[in-house]
């Protein structure tokens, strides 16, 4: 393990941990994004907490966190495994940010998109389209779930390196990426709205829809996803 890798790994985590959505809403509206909408510190909740135009710079910053971390690892000549690890650490930083007490991070979806795209722009585009196909019927969270589950399988065919070991490293990394994103959905504290809902149904709703209950409007209006 080289000094370069250690420093880059720390830098990737600290960069990933910068809560762009929290800072943007706080600076423009004086509002804590954790107390409105879904309660998530991510670009999607900016729509509930701040000016809609803020979504674009916040999303681009989050994508850039993941992309820059992997790009730097590639630029200094690190092999595929360290590149994947650095990308994952940027996502870990977003999900469990030190600046917010390791709590209240987002799901790391845009940071993940940045990591994915650096390894394969085609894969990044496919994942983006798969997710946003469902946005027109207000089921973006379901689209993201489908894209995450499909990601490891698609990566085997679309990741750039032709070497089998490199493809395997990237695919395993994307399995970890998917697992982190879905774990972040499942482990949140249970909301008051779901106290009477069976645990199995709560887990099902969280995995597919990223909320405790089926009623999307009620979930967002009550701002219950603060766990």
Protein backbone atom coordinates (compact mmCIF):
# COMPACT_ATOMS: atom_id res chain seq x y z
CA UNK A 1 0.00 0.00 0.00
CA UNK A 2 1.72 3.17 -1.20
CA UNK A 3 1.75 6.59 0.40
CA UNK A 4 0.09 7.93 -2.75
CA UNK A 5 -2.83 5.58 -2.35
CA UNK A 6 -3.27 6.30 1.36
CA UNK A 7 -3.27 10.07 0.80
CA UNK A 8 -5.64 9.77 -2.15
CA UNK A 9 -7.97 7.46 -0.19
CA UNK A 10 -8.18 9.99 2.65
CA UNK A 11 -8.67 12.83 0.17
CA UNK A 12 -11.41 10.93 -1.67
CA UNK A 13 -13.32 10.34 1.56
CA UNK A 14 -12.99 13.97 2.68
CA UNK A 15 -14.04 15.27 -0.74
CA UNK A 16 -16.95 12.84 -0.88
CA UNK A 17 -18.02 13.96 2.58
CA UNK A 18 -18.56 17.59 1.50
CA UNK A 19 -22.38 17.93 1.87
CA UNK A 20 -23.10 20.11 -1.16
CA UNK A 21 -26.90 19.85 -0.81
CA UNK A 22 -26.78 20.84 2.85
CA UNK A 23 -24.46 23.80 2.21
CA UNK A 24 -26.32 25.04 -0.87
CA UNK A 25 -29.72 25.10 0.85
CA UNK A 26 -28.28 26.55 4.06
CA UNK A 27 -26.54 29.38 2.20
CA UNK A 28 -29.47 30.28 -0.08
CA UNK A 29 -32.45 29.68 2.21
CA UNK A 30 -31.05 29.43 5.72
CA UNK A 31 -32.83 26.06 5.98
CA UNK A 32 -31.48 22.74 7.27
CA UNK A 33 -32.20 20.28 4.45
CA UNK A 34 -32.33 17.47 7.01
CA UNK A 35 -35.57 18.90 8.40
CA UNK A 36 -37.57 19.20 5.19
CA UNK A 37 -38.85 16.92 2.44
CA UNK A 38 -37.35 13.46 2.69
CA UNK A 39 -34.69 14.63 5.14
CA UNK A 40 -31.87 13.34 2.91
CA UNK A 41 -28.74 15.38 2.26
CA UNK A 42 -28.71 14.81 -1.47
CA UNK A 43 -29.53 16.55 -4.74
CA UNK A 44 -33.04 15.06 -4.97
CA UNK A 45 -34.17 16.65 -1.71
CA UNK A 46 -33.01 20.09 -2.86
CA UNK A 47 -36.30 20.20 -4.82
CA UNK A 48 -38.16 20.18 -1.50
CA UNK A 49 -35.81 22.41 0.45
CA UNK A 50 -34.47 25.09 -1.86
CA UNK A 51 -34.68 26.80 -5.27
CA UNK A 52 -35.09 24.20 -8.00
CA UNK A 53 -32.14 25.60 -9.95
CA UNK A 54 -29.85 24.50 -7.12
CA UNK A 55 -30.36 20.86 -8.12
CA UNK A 56 -28.09 21.23 -11.15
CA UNK A 57 -24.92 22.55 -9.41
CA UNK A 58 -25.44 20.22 -6.43
CA UNK A 59 -25.84 17.18 -8.70
CA UNK A 60 -22.81 18.18 -10.78
CA UNK A 61 -20.71 18.65 -7.64
CA UNK A 62 -21.74 15.24 -6.31
CA UNK A 63 -20.99 13.58 -9.66
CA UNK A 64 -17.67 15.38 -9.72
CA UNK A 65 -16.67 14.05 -6.29
CA UNK A 66 -16.79 10.47 -7.47
CA UNK A 67 -15.42 11.15 -10.93
CA UNK A 68 -12.47 13.25 -9.76
CA UNK A 69 -11.39 10.70 -7.15
CA UNK A 70 -11.15 7.89 -9.71
CA UNK A 71 -9.65 10.13 -12.39
CA UNK A 72 -6.82 11.20 -10.09
CA UNK A 73 -6.17 7.56 -9.18
CA UNK A 74 -5.94 6.72 -12.88
CA UNK A 75 -3.76 9.76 -13.62
CA UNK A 76 -1.11 8.83 -11.07
CA UNK A 77 -0.96 5.28 -12.42
CA UNK A 78 -2.73 3.30 -9.70
CA UNK A 79 -3.99 -0.12 -10.77
CA UNK A 80 -7.67 -1.00 -11.12
CA UNK A 81 -8.25 -2.26 -7.57
CA UNK A 82 -6.99 0.94 -5.88
CA UNK A 83 -8.99 2.98 -8.39
CA UNK A 84 -12.15 1.14 -7.38
CA UNK A 85 -11.36 1.50 -3.69
CA UNK A 86 -10.80 5.25 -4.02
CA UNK A 87 -14.12 5.62 -5.84
CA UNK A 88 -15.93 3.65 -3.15
CA UNK A 89 -14.37 5.81 -0.43
CA UNK A 90 -15.70 8.95 -2.11
CA UNK A 91 -19.19 7.39 -1.96
CA UNK A 92 -18.65 6.35 1.68
CA UNK A 93 -17.80 9.97 2.42
CA UNK A 94 -21.03 11.14 0.83
CA UNK A 95 -23.13 8.56 2.66
CA UNK A 96 -21.43 8.92 6.06
CA UNK A 97 -19.90 12.44 6.05
CA UNK A 98 -17.50 13.37 8.82
CA UNK A 99 -18.65 17.00 8.56
CA UNK A 100 -22.18 16.01 9.65
CA UNK A 101 -21.09 13.66 12.42
CA UNK A 102 -21.10 10.58 10.13
CA UNK A 103 -24.91 10.87 9.94
CA UNK A 104 -27.51 12.34 7.61
CA UNK A 105 -25.61 11.63 4.40
CA UNK A 106 -27.38 10.99 1.13
CA UNK A 107 -27.62 7.76 -0.82
CA UNK A 108 -24.53 8.52 -2.90
CA UNK A 109 -26.34 8.05 -6.21
CA UNK A 110 -24.78 10.97 -8.09
CA UNK A 111 -21.36 10.33 -6.54
CA UNK A 112 -21.75 6.71 -7.71
CA UNK A 113 -22.65 7.92 -11.19
CA UNK A 114 -19.40 9.86 -11.31
CA UNK A 115 -17.40 6.77 -10.35
CA UNK A 116 -19.24 4.60 -12.88
CA UNK A 117 -18.82 7.08 -15.72
CA UNK A 118 -15.04 7.34 -15.31
CA UNK A 119 -14.76 3.57 -15.74
CA UNK A 120 -17.20 3.54 -18.67
CA UNK A 121 -19.15 6.50 -20.06
CA UNK A 122 -21.46 4.06 -21.85
CA UNK A 123 -22.29 2.33 -18.59
CA UNK A 124 -22.84 5.68 -16.89
CA UNK A 125 -25.26 6.74 -19.63
CA UNK A 126 -27.18 3.45 -19.51
CA UNK A 127 -27.51 3.61 -15.72
CA UNK A 128 -28.72 7.21 -15.92
CA UNK A 129 -31.33 6.37 -18.56
CA UNK A 130 -32.48 3.26 -16.66
CA UNK A 131 -33.06 5.34 -13.55
CA UNK A 132 -34.76 8.34 -15.14
CA UNK A 133 -37.08 6.30 -17.35
CA UNK A 134 -39.23 6.03 -14.23
CA UNK A 135 -39.13 9.72 -13.33
CA UNK A 136 -42.09 10.55 -15.59
CA UNK A 137 -44.36 8.45 -13.36
CA UNK A 138 -42.77 9.80 -10.17
CA UNK A 139 -40.99 6.53 -9.43
CA UNK A 140 -37.38 7.66 -9.71
CA UNK A 141 -36.41 5.71 -6.59
CA UNK A 142 -37.65 2.51 -8.24
CA UNK A 143 -35.69 3.37 -11.38
CA UNK A 144 -32.57 3.87 -9.29
CA UNK A 145 -33.14 0.48 -7.64
CA UNK A 146 -33.40 -1.23 -11.03
CA UNK A 147 -30.28 0.56 -12.28
CA UNK A 148 -28.32 -0.40 -9.15
CA UNK A 149 -29.28 -4.06 -9.39
CA UNK A 150 -28.44 -4.17 -13.10
CA UNK A 151 -25.12 -2.34 -12.65
CA UNK A 152 -22.82 -5.29 -11.75
CA UNK A 153 -24.17 -7.39 -14.62
CA UNK A 154 -23.87 -4.56 -17.15
CA UNK A 155 -20.37 -3.67 -15.96
CA UNK A 156 -18.98 -7.04 -16.97
CA UNK A 157 -19.75 -6.26 -20.60
CA UNK A 158 -19.32 -2.48 -20.70
CA UNK A 159 -16.33 -1.72 -18.45
CA UNK A 160 -13.43 -0.46 -20.53
CA UNK A 161 -10.55 -2.83 -19.65
CA UNK A 162 -10.36 -6.00 -21.72
CA UNK A 163 -8.32 -7.87 -19.13
CA UNK A 164 -10.48 -10.37 -17.22
CA UNK A 165 -8.93 -9.52 -13.86
CA UNK A 166 -9.60 -5.82 -14.36
CA UNK A 167 -13.19 -6.48 -15.38
CA UNK A 168 -13.63 -8.70 -12.32
CA UNK A 169 -12.21 -5.98 -10.06
CA UNK A 170 -14.58 -3.36 -11.47
CA UNK A 171 -17.58 -5.68 -11.31
CA UNK A 172 -16.84 -6.62 -7.69
CA UNK A 173 -16.45 -2.93 -6.92
CA UNK A 174 -19.86 -2.22 -8.41
CA UNK A 175 -21.36 -5.05 -6.35
CA UNK A 176 -20.02 -3.21 -3.29
CA UNK A 177 -21.37 0.09 -4.66
CA UNK A 178 -24.85 -1.38 -5.14
CA UNK A 179 -24.75 -3.01 -1.72
CA UNK A 180 -23.83 0.29 -0.03
CA UNK A 181 -26.62 2.18 -1.75
CA UNK A 182 -29.26 -0.41 -0.86
CA UNK A 183 -27.92 -0.79 2.68
CA UNK A 184 -28.24 2.99 3.14
CA UNK A 185 -31.91 2.67 2.19
CA UNK A 186 -32.60 -0.16 4.61
CA UNK A 187 -30.79 0.87 7.79
CA UNK A 188 -32.42 4.26 8.42
CA UNK A 189 -34.34 4.74 11.66
CA UNK A 190 -37.98 3.75 11.36
CA UNK A 191 -40.40 6.68 10.95
CA UNK A 192 -43.57 7.32 12.94
CA UNK A 193 -45.67 6.71 9.82
CA UNK A 194 -44.46 3.13 9.56
CA UNK A 195 -44.77 2.07 13.21
CA UNK A 196 -47.78 -0.12 12.40
CA UNK A 197 -46.36 -1.46 9.12
CA UNK A 198 -44.84 -4.98 9.24
CA UNK A 199 -41.04 -4.97 9.15
CA UNK A 200 -40.92 -7.03 5.95
CA UNK A 201 -43.09 -4.51 4.16
CA UNK A 202 -40.99 -1.62 5.43
CA UNK A 203 -37.84 -3.28 4.08
CA UNK A 204 -39.59 -3.95 0.76
CA UNK A 205 -40.74 -0.33 0.48
CA UNK A 206 -37.28 0.95 1.36
CA UNK A 207 -35.47 -1.24 -1.16
CA UNK A 208 -37.80 -0.45 -4.06
CA UNK A 209 -39.11 3.02 -3.26
CA UNK A 210 -36.64 4.40 -0.68
CA UNK A 211 -39.40 5.15 1.83
CA UNK A 212 -41.17 3.33 4.65
CA UNK A 213 -44.69 3.51 3.25
CA UNK A 214 -46.25 3.15 -0.17
CA UNK A 215 -47.87 6.61 -0.16
CA UNK A 216 -45.24 8.88 -1.71
CA UNK A 217 -47.12 12.15 -1.16
CA UNK A 218 -47.75 11.47 2.51
CA UNK A 219 -44.13 10.44 3.01
CA UNK A 220 -42.74 13.62 1.47
CA UNK A 221 -45.32 15.97 3.01
CA UNK A 222 -44.56 14.72 6.51
CA UNK A 223 -40.78 14.89 5.99
CA UNK A 224 -40.38 11.56 7.77
CA UNK A 225 -37.16 10.20 6.30
CA UNK A 226 -34.85 11.75 8.84
CA UNK A 227 -33.56 8.54 10.41
